[in-house]
Every structure is written in C-alpha cells, then in structure tokens.
Amino acid sequence: MRETEGDARLETSLREAIPRLAALYDRFAHALDPFDRGRDIAEQTFNSELAGLYDNLEGQKPAFRDFRRFVIVRCKRHPAASDKPPTT
C-alpha cells in the first residue's frame, strides 16, 4: 500500500502523540495479566486520547476505524524505530 497525501498529513499531525500512545498501547496490548487495573486504565486512556485526536483533525477525516488502525500500526512500529543500538 502506497502512502497517500492523507497518510502523510496524519503522520505529521500525530508525530508528537505517537510516543505517548505507543506506551499506552504496549501497556494494555501486551499485559501479562488481563485483569490488571493498570491495563484497563491504559486502554481507557488510549481510547480517550485517540478519540480526542480524531475530533481535532482538520480537513477531510478518514473513517474512525481506519484512523485507529493507522495509529495502532504506528504504535507497534515506534519501539523498533526508537530503539538505537549502543555505540562503542
């Protein structure tokens, strides 16, 4: 799938939010205890912030489902992209 102009616009508008969202996503998506209260809070916070970001988008918006998928893909990629090997 090629990156469209809309994807580039979303990428730019979400650049600052992705690290925070990635931490929240990791906390609830990869929780060892599915009944952990912290996991539930992380998921609620993630969904709340996601809805707020979607509401603040300007111009033509993608469907919320597509927007959510776009953000989750970026959240999954973020740890690998920000992990830098040590220099010697």
C-alpha atoms as a PDB file:
ATOM      1  CA  MET A   1       0.000   0.000   0.000  1.00  0.00           C
ATOM      2  CA  ARG A   2       1.446   3.331  -1.035  1.00  0.00           C
ATOM      3  CA  GLU A   3       1.441   6.257   1.324  1.00  0.00           C
ATOM      4  CA  THR A   4      -1.135   8.809   0.295  1.00  0.00           C
ATOM      5  CA  GLU A   5      -1.211  12.526   0.958  1.00  0.00           C
ATOM      6  CA  GLY A   6      -3.749  11.908   3.727  1.00  0.00           C
ATOM      7  CA  ASP A   7      -1.370   9.455   5.409  1.00  0.00           C
ATOM      8  CA  ALA A   8       1.437  11.986   5.280  1.00  0.00           C
ATOM      9  CA  ARG A   9      -0.852  14.616   6.802  1.00  0.00           C
ATOM     10  CA  LEU A  10      -1.839  12.221   9.592  1.00  0.00           C
ATOM     11  CA  GLU A  11       1.787  11.267  10.172  1.00  0.00           C
ATOM     12  CA  THR A  12       2.701  14.916  10.647  1.00  0.00           C
ATOM     13  CA  SER A  13      -0.205  15.707  12.943  1.00  0.00           C
ATOM     14  CA  LEU A  14       0.421  12.633  15.124  1.00  0.00           C
ATOM     15  CA  ARG A  15       4.213  12.869  15.344  1.00  0.00           C
ATOM     16  CA  GLU A  16       4.223  14.178  18.923  1.00  0.00           C
ATOM     17  CA  ALA A  17       1.420  11.918  20.170  1.00  0.00           C
ATOM     18  CA  ILE A  18       2.757   8.575  18.917  1.00  0.00           C
ATOM     19  CA  PRO A  19       5.388   8.009  21.661  1.00  0.00           C
ATOM     20  CA  ARG A  20       2.789   8.553  24.402  1.00  0.00           C
ATOM     21  CA  LEU A  21       0.168   6.454  22.606  1.00  0.00           C
ATOM     22  CA  ALA A  22       2.722   3.705  21.915  1.00  0.00           C
ATOM     23  CA  ALA A  23       3.490   3.422  25.637  1.00  0.00           C
ATOM     24  CA  LEU A  24      -0.211   3.179  26.471  1.00  0.00           C
ATOM     25  CA  TYR A  25      -0.843   0.683  23.686  1.00  0.00           C
ATOM     26  CA  ASP A  26       2.047  -1.506  24.786  1.00  0.00           C
ATOM     27  CA  ARG A  27       0.817  -1.482  28.360  1.00  0.00           C
ATOM     28  CA  PHE A  28      -2.651  -2.796  27.552  1.00  0.00           C
ATOM     29  CA  ALA A  29      -1.986  -4.847  24.419  1.00  0.00           C
ATOM     30  CA  HIS A  30       0.880  -6.835  25.908  1.00  0.00           C
ATOM     31  CA  ALA A  31      -0.236  -7.060  29.528  1.00  0.00           C
ATOM     32  CA  LEU A  32       0.614 -10.329  31.226  1.00  0.00           C
ATOM     33  CA  ASP A  33      -2.419 -10.075  33.493  1.00  0.00           C
ATOM     34  CA  PRO A  34      -5.598  -9.328  31.517  1.00  0.00           C
ATOM     35  CA  PHE A  35      -7.385  -8.384  34.750  1.00  0.00           C
ATOM     36  CA  ASP A  36      -4.801  -5.838  35.905  1.00  0.00           C
ATOM     37  CA  ARG A  37      -6.380  -2.484  36.765  1.00  0.00           C
ATOM     38  CA  GLY A  38      -3.435  -0.626  35.199  1.00  0.00           C
ATOM     39  CA  ARG A  39      -4.095  -2.400  31.917  1.00  0.00           C
ATOM     40  CA  ASP A  40      -7.710  -1.239  31.937  1.00  0.00           C
ATOM     41  CA  ILE A  41      -6.713   2.334  32.728  1.00  0.00           C
ATOM     42  CA  ALA A  42      -4.112   2.330  29.939  1.00  0.00           C
ATOM     43  CA  GLU A  43      -6.709   1.083  27.437  1.00  0.00           C
ATOM     44  CA  GLN A  44      -9.264   3.678  28.524  1.00  0.00           C
ATOM     45  CA  THR A  45      -6.683   6.457  28.336  1.00  0.00           C
ATOM     46  CA  PHE A  46      -5.507   5.277  24.902  1.00  0.00           C
ATOM     47  CA  ASN A  47      -9.072   5.225  23.550  1.00  0.00           C
ATOM     48  CA  SER A  48      -9.873   8.612  25.079  1.00  0.00           C
ATOM     49  CA  GLU A  49      -6.753  10.249  23.621  1.00  0.00           C
ATOM     50  CA  LEU A  50      -7.386   8.590  20.271  1.00  0.00           C
ATOM     51  CA  ALA A  51     -10.936   9.978  20.171  1.00  0.00           C
ATOM     52  CA  GLY A  52      -9.657  13.432  21.095  1.00  0.00           C
ATOM     53  CA  LEU A  53      -7.024  13.371  18.355  1.00  0.00           C
ATOM     54  CA  TYR A  54      -9.628  12.232  15.836  1.00  0.00           C
ATOM     55  CA  ASP A  55     -12.006  15.018  16.848  1.00  0.00           C
ATOM     56  CA  ASN A  56      -9.235  17.609  16.438  1.00  0.00           C
ATOM     57  CA  LEU A  57      -8.289  16.519  12.915  1.00  0.00           C
ATOM     58  CA  GLU A  58      -8.841  19.233  10.379  1.00  0.00           C
ATOM     59  CA  GLY A  59      -9.944  18.776   6.816  1.00  0.00           C
ATOM     60  CA  GLN A  60     -11.269  15.550   5.435  1.00  0.00           C
ATOM     61  CA  LYS A  61     -11.123  12.801   8.053  1.00  0.00           C
ATOM     62  CA  PRO A  62     -10.715   9.097   7.388  1.00  0.00           C
ATOM     63  CA  ALA A  63     -13.214   6.737   8.981  1.00  0.00           C
ATOM     64  CA  PHE A  64     -12.500   6.327  12.702  1.00  0.00           C
ATOM     65  CA  ARG A  65     -11.779   2.634  12.181  1.00  0.00           C
ATOM     66  CA  ASP A  66      -9.097   3.463   9.590  1.00  0.00           C
ATOM     67  CA  PHE A  67      -7.678   6.208  11.812  1.00  0.00           C
ATOM     68  CA  ARG A  68      -7.458   3.807  14.763  1.00  0.00           C
ATOM     69  CA  ARG A  69      -5.732   1.185  12.607  1.00  0.00           C
ATOM     70  CA  PHE A  70      -3.275   3.832  11.308  1.00  0.00           C
ATOM     71  CA  VAL A  71      -2.369   4.869  14.862  1.00  0.00           C
ATOM     72  CA  ILE A  72      -2.008   1.289  16.125  1.00  0.00           C
ATOM     73  CA  VAL A  73       0.356   0.412  13.270  1.00  0.00           C
ATOM     74  CA  ARG A  74       2.489   3.459  14.164  1.00  0.00           C
ATOM     75  CA  CYS A  75       2.393   2.461  17.843  1.00  0.00           C
ATOM     76  CA  LYS A  76       3.638  -1.030  17.000  1.00  0.00           C
ATOM     77  CA  ARG A  77       6.475   0.385  14.885  1.00  0.00           C
ATOM     78  CA  HIS A  78       7.511   3.050  17.391  1.00  0.00           C
ATOM     79  CA  PRO A  79       9.577   0.934  19.827  1.00  0.00           C
ATOM     80  CA  ALA A  80      11.610  -0.574  16.993  1.00  0.00           C
ATOM     81  CA  ALA A  81      12.140   2.818  15.376  1.00  0.00           C
ATOM     82  CA  SER A  82      13.233   4.499  18.599  1.00  0.00           C
ATOM     83  CA  ASP A  83      15.469   1.645  19.803  1.00  0.00           C
ATOM     84  CA  LYS A  84      19.014   2.600  18.907  1.00  0.00           C
ATOM     85  CA  PRO A  85      21.933   0.208  19.321  1.00  0.00           C
ATOM     86  CA  PRO A  86      24.675   1.363  21.668  1.00  0.00           C
ATOM     87  CA  THR A  87      27.693   2.966  20.112  1.00  0.00           C
ATOM     88  CA  THR A  88      31.145   1.744  21.040  1.00  0.00           C
END
